[in-house]
N, C-alpha and C. Protein backbone atom coordinates (compact mmCIF):
# COMPACT_ATOMS: atom_id res chain seq x y z
N MET A 1 50.85 150.46 67.15
CA MET A 1 49.36 149.01 66.90
C MET A 1 48.14 149.22 67.64
N TYR A 2 46.81 148.82 66.53
CA TYR A 2 45.77 148.31 67.64
C TYR A 2 45.95 147.09 68.24
N ARG A 3 45.16 147.55 69.65
CA ARG A 3 44.81 146.11 69.89
C ARG A 3 43.51 145.55 69.83
N ALA A 4 43.49 144.32 70.40
CA ALA A 4 42.08 143.76 69.85
C ALA A 4 40.82 144.82 70.25
N GLY A 5 40.97 144.85 71.34
CA GLY A 5 39.88 145.73 71.93
C GLY A 5 39.36 146.67 71.42
N ASP A 6 40.00 147.42 70.43
CA ASP A 6 40.08 148.99 69.48
C ASP A 6 39.46 148.45 68.49
N ILE A 7 39.89 147.12 67.82
CA ILE A 7 39.21 146.82 66.57
C ILE A 7 38.07 146.25 66.87
N LEU A 8 37.40 145.95 68.17
CA LEU A 8 36.13 145.24 67.97
C LEU A 8 34.67 147.11 68.81
N LYS A 9 35.56 147.10 69.57
CA LYS A 9 34.86 148.72 69.52
C LYS A 9 34.38 149.40 68.64
N LYS A 10 35.36 149.38 67.65
CA LYS A 10 35.37 149.77 66.16
C LYS A 10 33.97 149.35 65.62
N ALA A 11 34.03 148.25 65.48
CA ALA A 11 33.63 147.20 64.47
C ALA A 11 32.12 147.36 65.38
N ARG A 12 32.04 146.91 66.33
CA ARG A 12 30.51 146.94 67.83
C ARG A 12 29.90 148.47 66.92
N ALA A 13 30.48 149.53 66.75
CA ALA A 13 30.27 151.11 66.72
C ALA A 13 30.03 151.32 65.02
N ALA A 14 30.32 150.88 64.34
CA ALA A 14 30.07 150.56 63.26
C ALA A 14 28.92 149.47 62.91
N LEU A 15 28.51 148.44 63.38
CA LEU A 15 27.27 147.67 63.14
C LEU A 15 26.28 148.09 63.49
N THR A 16 26.51 148.93 65.16
CA THR A 16 25.41 149.81 65.58
C THR A 16 25.00 150.52 64.98
N LEU A 17 25.99 151.52 63.99
CA LEU A 17 25.48 152.64 63.32
C LEU A 17 24.90 152.47 62.09
N ILE A 18 25.40 151.10 61.17
CA ILE A 18 24.69 150.43 60.05
C ILE A 18 23.70 150.30 60.43
N LEU A 19 23.06 149.59 61.79
CA LEU A 19 22.11 148.87 61.89
C LEU A 19 20.77 150.19 62.15
N THR A 20 21.47 150.84 62.73
CA THR A 20 20.43 152.68 63.21
C THR A 20 19.68 152.81 61.90
N ILE A 21 20.91 152.84 60.97
CA ILE A 21 20.45 153.64 59.46
C ILE A 21 19.36 152.70 59.21
N LEU A 22 19.85 151.58 58.89
CA LEU A 22 18.96 150.55 58.28
C LEU A 22 17.66 150.79 58.87
N THR A 23 17.60 150.53 60.02
CA THR A 23 16.01 150.41 60.99
C THR A 23 15.68 152.00 60.14
N ILE A 24 16.30 153.02 60.42
CA ILE A 24 15.47 154.05 60.29
C ILE A 24 15.09 154.08 58.94
N ILE A 25 15.99 153.88 57.92
CA ILE A 25 15.22 154.00 56.50
C ILE A 25 13.65 152.88 56.35
N ILE A 26 14.08 151.91 56.91
CA ILE A 26 12.83 150.42 56.92
C ILE A 26 11.79 151.31 57.50
N ALA A 27 11.79 152.24 58.49
CA ALA A 27 10.69 152.98 59.34
C ALA A 27 10.26 153.91 58.38
N PHE A 28 10.59 154.86 57.91
CA PHE A 28 10.24 155.32 57.02
C PHE A 28 9.63 155.06 55.76
N GLN A 29 10.17 153.96 55.41
CA GLN A 29 9.46 153.33 54.23
C GLN A 29 8.04 152.49 54.82
N ASN A 30 7.58 152.72 55.49
CA ASN A 30 6.43 152.07 56.64
C ASN A 30 5.71 152.95 57.35
N THR A 31 5.04 153.81 56.81
CA THR A 31 4.19 154.99 57.17
C THR A 31 2.97 154.71 57.65
N GLU A 32 2.29 153.58 57.02
CA GLU A 32 0.82 153.41 56.87
C GLU A 32 0.41 153.12 58.56
N ILE A 33 -1.05 153.60 58.39
CA ILE A 33 -1.62 152.96 59.71
C ILE A 33 -1.56 151.39 60.33
N VAL A 34 -1.29 151.28 61.34
CA VAL A 34 -1.80 149.52 61.44
C VAL A 34 -2.38 149.67 62.97
N THR A 35 -3.23 148.79 63.27
CA THR A 35 -3.73 148.41 64.70
C THR A 35 -2.94 147.14 65.02
N ILE A 36 -2.74 147.27 66.73
CA ILE A 36 -2.12 146.34 66.94
C ILE A 36 -2.94 146.01 68.14
N GLN A 37 -3.11 144.56 68.85
CA GLN A 37 -3.84 143.91 69.28
C GLN A 37 -3.74 142.97 70.53
N LEU A 38 -3.59 143.26 71.83
CA LEU A 38 -3.02 142.47 72.71
C LEU A 38 -3.81 142.81 73.63
N LEU A 39 -4.05 141.21 73.78
CA LEU A 39 -5.04 140.97 74.70
C LEU A 39 -6.49 141.81 74.43
N PHE A 40 -6.74 142.64 75.60
CA PHE A 40 -8.04 143.36 75.71
C PHE A 40 -7.78 144.69 74.86
N TRP A 41 -6.73 145.01 74.45
CA TRP A 41 -6.54 146.45 74.13
C TRP A 41 -6.25 146.57 72.97
N SER A 42 -6.25 147.31 72.14
CA SER A 42 -6.25 147.62 70.62
C SER A 42 -6.08 149.02 70.36
N LEU A 43 -4.76 149.08 69.69
CA LEU A 43 -4.04 150.46 69.56
C LEU A 43 -3.83 150.75 68.18
N THR A 44 -4.52 151.76 67.76
CA THR A 44 -4.01 152.03 66.20
C THR A 44 -2.67 153.51 66.40
N LEU A 45 -1.80 152.88 65.14
CA LEU A 45 -0.62 153.75 65.32
C LEU A 45 0.02 153.68 63.74
N SER A 46 0.51 154.79 63.47
CA SER A 46 1.54 154.84 62.14
C SER A 46 2.65 153.52 62.20
N ARG A 47 2.61 152.39 61.67
CA ARG A 47 3.88 151.47 61.96
C ARG A 47 5.31 152.22 61.86
N ILE A 48 5.65 153.26 61.62
CA ILE A 48 7.07 153.75 61.88
C ILE A 48 6.87 153.77 63.38
N LEU A 49 5.94 154.22 64.20
CA LEU A 49 5.94 154.44 65.54
C LEU A 49 6.27 152.81 66.03
N VAL A 50 5.31 152.08 65.71
CA VAL A 50 5.93 150.73 66.25
C VAL A 50 7.28 150.39 65.89
N LEU A 51 7.88 150.18 64.50
CA LEU A 51 8.89 149.65 64.37
C LEU A 51 9.78 150.54 64.68
N LEU A 52 9.67 151.45 65.23
CA LEU A 52 10.96 152.28 65.93
C LEU A 52 10.73 152.34 68.32
N ALA A 53 9.54 152.17 68.34
CA ALA A 53 9.25 151.83 69.79
C ALA A 53 10.07 149.86 69.53
N THR A 54 9.48 149.54 69.04
CA THR A 54 9.63 147.78 68.84
C THR A 54 11.55 147.70 68.85
N PHE A 55 12.48 149.00 68.15
CA PHE A 55 13.74 148.87 67.71
C PHE A 55 14.36 149.39 69.12
N ALA A 56 13.98 150.57 69.78
CA ALA A 56 14.02 151.31 71.58
C ALA A 56 14.01 149.97 72.46
N LEU A 57 12.90 149.78 72.08
CA LEU A 57 12.74 148.41 73.14
C LEU A 57 13.83 147.44 73.35
N GLY A 58 14.03 146.58 71.97
CA GLY A 58 14.91 145.70 72.14
C GLY A 58 16.61 145.84 72.21
N ALA A 59 16.80 147.74 71.90
CA ALA A 59 17.83 147.98 72.16
C ALA A 59 18.02 148.21 73.74
N PHE A 60 16.81 148.69 74.50
CA PHE A 60 17.06 149.33 75.54
C PHE A 60 17.50 147.56 76.41
N ALA A 61 16.46 146.56 76.18
CA ALA A 61 16.92 145.16 76.32
C ALA A 61 18.20 144.40 76.23
N GLY A 62 18.63 144.78 75.06
CA GLY A 62 19.85 144.37 75.21
C GLY A 62 21.55 145.30 76.20
N ILE A 63 21.20 146.21 76.20
CA ILE A 63 21.71 147.26 77.12
C ILE A 63 21.62 146.55 78.59
N LEU A 64 20.17 146.90 79.05
CA LEU A 64 19.77 146.33 80.35
C LEU A 64 20.83 144.66 80.59
N GLY A 65 20.75 143.57 79.11
CA GLY A 65 20.96 142.91 79.91
C GLY A 65 22.87 142.77 80.16
N SER A 66 23.33 143.28 79.38
CA SER A 66 24.24 143.11 79.36
C SER A 66 25.02 143.92 81.12
N TYR A 67 24.12 144.72 81.11
CA TYR A 67 24.59 145.30 82.38
C TYR A 67 24.25 144.47 83.30
N LEU A 68 22.98 143.84 83.45
CA LEU A 68 23.12 142.88 84.31
C LEU A 68 23.86 141.72 84.32
N PHE A 69 24.44 141.00 82.91
CA PHE A 69 24.91 140.26 83.01
C PHE A 69 26.93 140.47 83.93
N ARG A 70 27.06 141.87 83.35
CA ARG A 70 28.21 141.88 83.77
C ARG A 70 28.56 142.36 85.55
N ALA A 71 26.96 142.84 85.63
CA ALA A 71 27.34 142.74 87.07
C ALA A 71 27.48 141.52 88.18
N SER A 72 26.94 140.70 87.24
CA SER A 72 26.91 138.97 88.02
C SER A 72 28.04 138.77 87.61
N ARG A 73 28.60 138.82 86.84
CA ARG A 73 30.09 138.47 86.44
C ARG A 73 31.20 138.88 87.76
N LYS A 74 30.83 139.79 88.23
CA LYS A 74 31.45 140.82 89.18
C LYS A 74 31.21 140.66 90.28
N ARG A 75 29.75 140.24 90.40
CA ARG A 75 29.38 139.94 92.21
C ARG A 75 30.11 137.95 92.23
N LYS A 76 30.24 137.12 91.48
CA LYS A 76 31.17 136.41 91.07
C LYS A 76 32.35 136.33 91.19
N GLY A 77 33.09 137.56 90.47
CA GLY A 77 34.39 137.45 91.09
C GLY A 77 34.58 137.68 92.53
N ARG A 78 34.33 138.40 92.79
CA ARG A 78 34.06 138.66 94.46
C ARG A 78 33.73 138.45 95.74
N ALA A 79 32.58 136.91 95.37
CA ALA A 79 32.98 136.24 95.82
C ALA A 79 33.00 134.96 96.05
N GLU A 80 33.73 134.69 94.78
CA GLU A 80 35.21 133.66 95.30
C GLU A 80 36.21 133.54 95.69
N PRO A 81 36.81 132.93 96.61
CA PRO A 81 38.06 133.00 97.59
C PRO A 81 39.48 133.66 96.34
N VAL A 82 40.34 134.04 96.81
CA VAL A 82 41.09 133.99 95.87
C VAL A 82 42.76 133.62 96.65
């Protein structure tokens, strides 16, 4: 029998794969050049690079947030008296 954790892991992996494929499809359909302005900087790049960089930064932030959340839960568990 499948455990609930196994099903959730497979569902998460499938969702991640679908979102990644959709992101790549959307990125390749948006190849025109765009100008990004941030405060005093102006940068001209292909929209595909902007979309993929944004996706990568979001994935990194999610992974980092998950890691920090787990680490804080682990620390709280150790700090409490048993």
